[in-house]
Each structure stands twice: as C-alpha cells, then as structure tokens.
Amino acid sequence: MSKAVDPAVPPSGTGCVDCDAAGGWWVHLRRCAACGNIGCCDDSPSRHASAHWRKTGHPIIRSFEPGEDWFWNYDSNEYYDGPRLAPPEHHPVDQPVPGPRGRVPADWAEQLRRR
C-alpha cells in the first residue's frame, strides 16, 4: 500500500480542483492520499474524488473535512488505517458545507434528491 499513500504530499488546495475549474460546487471534500488531489465526495453532484480514483488508480482517500480523520479504500470498499498526512488536514473552517461560498445554488438539497 506504500504507493497508495504518500504522507509528505500536501493537498492540492482548499476545494475540489475539478469543481473549482468548472465553477461547480460540492457537499464534502476528499483528499487523495497518494497525490493530494482534493475532490468532491459521491454525495456531490460531480463525484470528482471517485472519478480521480478510476482515472489514476489511487485507491486511498482521506476526509478533508474539519474534525474528520478517516481514510477509505475504494479498491476494498473498506476503511483504511492511514498515517498522519502533510498539513493542512482539512479545508478552512470558515468554508461552508456545502461549498464553496457563493456557488452553492439555493435549491442544492433538491438537486441532490433528484439525482
């Protein structure tokens, strides 16, 4: 599993890289433990974290939410006991959930129910 986790790699930013590029929004954020890519969770409209796994083969993610330190292994569909990763360990605490501020539609909960 050593190639699946690199504790020295910092996160790619404070929000989902792909949502930021497209002007989208997310529910929760996940951090790739191999390369630091920040993607949105599968409850988010675009599901970029799991798309990153399918594209790169990087199976281990860590929550990028304040107060959460769990890891998940997409390959085994199980929690993973991972090491401490390079800071920061979560998105800024003033960043809303869902986020980011200013891009979340007023009917976001309804949009998620329709998926």
C-alpha atoms as a PDB file:
ATOM      1  CA  MET A   1       0.000   0.000   0.000  1.00  0.00           C
ATOM      2  CA  SER A   2       3.048   2.294   0.175  1.00  0.00           C
ATOM      3  CA  LYS A   3       2.448   3.684  -3.340  1.00  0.00           C
ATOM      4  CA  ALA A   4      -1.185   4.392  -2.430  1.00  0.00           C
ATOM      5  CA  VAL A   5      -0.238   6.730   0.434  1.00  0.00           C
ATOM      6  CA  ASP A   6       2.400   9.461   0.463  1.00  0.00           C
ATOM      7  CA  PRO A   7       2.231  11.296   3.812  1.00  0.00           C
ATOM      8  CA  ALA A   8       4.585  14.047   2.582  1.00  0.00           C
ATOM      9  CA  VAL A   9       2.366  15.300  -0.275  1.00  0.00           C
ATOM     10  CA  PRO A  10       0.304  18.380   0.629  1.00  0.00           C
ATOM     11  CA  PRO A  11      -3.298  18.803  -0.532  1.00  0.00           C
ATOM     12  CA  SER A  12      -3.852  20.384  -3.949  1.00  0.00           C
ATOM     13  CA  GLY A  13      -5.843  23.274  -2.478  1.00  0.00           C
ATOM     14  CA  THR A  14      -8.791  24.100  -0.260  1.00  0.00           C
ATOM     15  CA  GLY A  15     -11.574  22.914  -2.565  1.00  0.00           C
ATOM     16  CA  CYS A  16     -12.373  20.370  -5.247  1.00  0.00           C
ATOM     17  CA  VAL A  17      -9.900  21.021  -8.054  1.00  0.00           C
ATOM     18  CA  ASP A  18     -12.320  19.993 -10.801  1.00  0.00           C
ATOM     19  CA  CYS A  19     -15.354  21.825  -9.372  1.00  0.00           C
ATOM     20  CA  ASP A  20     -13.251  24.967  -8.989  1.00  0.00           C
ATOM     21  CA  ALA A  21     -12.122  24.708 -12.617  1.00  0.00           C
ATOM     22  CA  ALA A  22     -15.707  24.271 -13.835  1.00  0.00           C
ATOM     23  CA  GLY A  23     -17.376  26.750 -11.461  1.00  0.00           C
ATOM     24  CA  GLY A  24     -19.207  23.930  -9.680  1.00  0.00           C
ATOM     25  CA  TRP A  25     -19.960  23.178  -6.035  1.00  0.00           C
ATOM     26  CA  TRP A  26     -19.608  20.264  -3.636  1.00  0.00           C
ATOM     27  CA  VAL A  27     -21.064  18.732  -0.493  1.00  0.00           C
ATOM     28  CA  HIS A  28     -17.947  17.289   1.188  1.00  0.00           C
ATOM     29  CA  LEU A  29     -14.289  17.083   0.227  1.00  0.00           C
ATOM     30  CA  ARG A  30     -11.927  14.106  -0.015  1.00  0.00           C
ATOM     31  CA  ARG A  31      -8.141  14.087  -0.297  1.00  0.00           C
ATOM     32  CA  CYS A  32      -6.205  11.552  -2.375  1.00  0.00           C
ATOM     33  CA  ALA A  33      -3.636  10.004  -0.037  1.00  0.00           C
ATOM     34  CA  ALA A  34      -1.255   9.313  -2.936  1.00  0.00           C
ATOM     35  CA  CYS A  35      -1.079  12.683  -4.703  1.00  0.00           C
ATOM     36  CA  GLY A  36      -3.020  15.163  -2.545  1.00  0.00           C
ATOM     37  CA  ASN A  37      -5.738  15.839  -5.144  1.00  0.00           C
ATOM     38  CA  ILE A  38      -8.818  17.338  -3.499  1.00  0.00           C
ATOM     39  CA  GLY A  39     -12.063  16.058  -4.980  1.00  0.00           C
ATOM     40  CA  CYS A  40     -15.724  16.178  -4.042  1.00  0.00           C
ATOM     41  CA  CYS A  41     -17.488  13.222  -2.406  1.00  0.00           C
ATOM     42  CA  ASP A  42     -20.007  10.895  -4.027  1.00  0.00           C
ATOM     43  CA  ASP A  43     -22.861  12.855  -2.417  1.00  0.00           C
ATOM     44  CA  SER A  44     -21.738  15.847  -4.506  1.00  0.00           C
ATOM     45  CA  PRO A  45     -23.172  16.387  -7.988  1.00  0.00           C
ATOM     46  CA  SER A  46     -19.909  15.659  -9.838  1.00  0.00           C
ATOM     47  CA  ARG A  47     -18.299  12.941  -7.655  1.00  0.00           C
ATOM     48  CA  HIS A  48     -14.765  14.001  -8.571  1.00  0.00           C
ATOM     49  CA  ALA A  49     -12.932  12.071  -5.809  1.00  0.00           C
ATOM     50  CA  SER A  50     -14.112   8.671  -7.046  1.00  0.00           C
ATOM     51  CA  ALA A  51     -13.572   9.781 -10.668  1.00  0.00           C
ATOM     52  CA  HIS A  52      -9.961  10.588  -9.702  1.00  0.00           C
ATOM     53  CA  TRP A  53      -9.576   7.054  -8.317  1.00  0.00           C
ATOM     54  CA  ARG A  54     -10.947   5.489 -11.505  1.00  0.00           C
ATOM     55  CA  LYS A  55      -8.688   7.669 -13.673  1.00  0.00           C
ATOM     56  CA  THR A  56      -5.447   7.342 -11.671  1.00  0.00           C
ATOM     57  CA  GLY A  57      -5.825   4.084  -9.755  1.00  0.00           C
ATOM     58  CA  HIS A  58      -5.121   5.915  -6.465  1.00  0.00           C
ATOM     59  CA  PRO A  59      -7.435   3.937  -4.132  1.00  0.00           C
ATOM     60  CA  ILE A  60      -6.980   5.639  -0.737  1.00  0.00           C
ATOM     61  CA  ILE A  61      -8.708   8.876   0.217  1.00  0.00           C
ATOM     62  CA  ARG A  62      -8.940  10.775   3.489  1.00  0.00           C
ATOM     63  CA  SER A  63     -11.742  13.063   4.533  1.00  0.00           C
ATOM     64  CA  PHE A  64     -10.809  16.728   4.049  1.00  0.00           C
ATOM     65  CA  GLU A  65     -13.496  17.898   6.476  1.00  0.00           C
ATOM     66  CA  PRO A  66     -12.716  19.572   9.837  1.00  0.00           C
ATOM     67  CA  GLY A  67     -12.926  17.098  12.719  1.00  0.00           C
ATOM     68  CA  GLU A  68     -12.694  14.018  10.469  1.00  0.00           C
ATOM     69  CA  ASP A  69      -9.570  11.891  10.102  1.00  0.00           C
ATOM     70  CA  TRP A  70     -10.849   8.706   8.475  1.00  0.00           C
ATOM     71  CA  PHE A  71      -9.429   7.064   5.351  1.00  0.00           C
ATOM     72  CA  TRP A  72     -11.324   4.994   2.752  1.00  0.00           C
ATOM     73  CA  ASN A  73     -10.014   2.405   0.310  1.00  0.00           C
ATOM     74  CA  TYR A  74     -12.033   2.406  -2.917  1.00  0.00           C
ATOM     75  CA  ASP A  75     -10.466  -0.895  -4.054  1.00  0.00           C
ATOM     76  CA  SER A  76     -11.523  -2.874  -0.970  1.00  0.00           C
ATOM     77  CA  ASN A  77     -14.577  -0.725  -0.138  1.00  0.00           C
ATOM     78  CA  GLU A  78     -13.365  -0.533   3.473  1.00  0.00           C
ATOM     79  CA  TYR A  79     -11.997   1.984   5.911  1.00  0.00           C
ATOM     80  CA  TYR A  80      -8.209   2.190   5.915  1.00  0.00           C
ATOM     81  CA  ASP A  81      -5.922   2.892   8.873  1.00  0.00           C
ATOM     82  CA  GLY A  82      -3.644   5.556   7.405  1.00  0.00           C
ATOM     83  CA  PRO A  83      -0.855   7.781   8.702  1.00  0.00           C
ATOM     84  CA  ARG A  84      -0.903  11.474   9.507  1.00  0.00           C
ATOM     85  CA  LEU A  85      -0.731  13.457   6.239  1.00  0.00           C
ATOM     86  CA  ALA A  86       1.032  16.725   5.434  1.00  0.00           C
ATOM     87  CA  PRO A  87      -0.938  19.796   6.523  1.00  0.00           C
ATOM     88  CA  PRO A  88      -3.450  21.191   6.171  1.00  0.00           C
ATOM     89  CA  GLU A  89      -5.619  18.278   7.256  1.00  0.00           C
ATOM     90  CA  HIS A  90      -8.926  19.881   6.249  1.00  0.00           C
ATOM     91  CA  HIS A  91     -10.447  22.730   4.295  1.00  0.00           C
ATOM     92  CA  PRO A  92     -10.630  26.128   6.036  1.00  0.00           C
ATOM     93  CA  VAL A  93     -13.092  26.008   8.935  1.00  0.00           C
ATOM     94  CA  ASP A  94     -14.887  29.107   7.629  1.00  0.00           C
ATOM     95  CA  GLN A  95     -15.627  27.381   4.302  1.00  0.00           C
ATOM     96  CA  PRO A  96     -19.310  26.385   4.298  1.00  0.00           C
ATOM     97  CA  VAL A  97     -20.683  22.901   3.705  1.00  0.00           C
ATOM     98  CA  PRO A  98     -21.851  22.575   1.040  1.00  0.00           C
ATOM     99  CA  GLY A  99     -19.368  24.905  -0.594  1.00  0.00           C
ATOM    100  CA  PRO A 100     -17.814  26.993  -1.768  1.00  0.00           C
ATOM    101  CA  ARG A 101     -19.479  30.186  -0.621  1.00  0.00           C
ATOM    102  CA  GLY A 102     -21.196  31.950  -3.495  1.00  0.00           C
ATOM    103  CA  ARG A 103     -21.512  28.945  -5.825  1.00  0.00           C
ATOM    104  CA  VAL A 104     -23.973  26.692  -3.994  1.00  0.00           C
ATOM    105  CA  PRO A 105     -27.436  27.011  -5.555  1.00  0.00           C
ATOM    106  CA  ALA A 106     -30.343  27.893  -3.278  1.00  0.00           C
ATOM    107  CA  ASP A 107     -32.071  24.607  -4.207  1.00  0.00           C
ATOM    108  CA  TRP A 108     -28.959  22.441  -3.625  1.00  0.00           C
ATOM    109  CA  ALA A 109     -30.741  19.893  -1.408  1.00  0.00           C
ATOM    110  CA  GLU A 110     -33.480  19.433  -4.005  1.00  0.00           C
ATOM    111  CA  GLN A 111     -30.881  18.991  -6.745  1.00  0.00           C
ATOM    112  CA  LEU A 112     -29.263  16.178  -4.745  1.00  0.00           C
ATOM    113  CA  ARG A 113     -32.622  14.449  -4.175  1.00  0.00           C
ATOM    114  CA  ARG A 114     -33.292  14.453  -7.942  1.00  0.00           C
ATOM    115  CA  ARG A 115     -30.065  12.568  -8.779  1.00  0.00           C
END
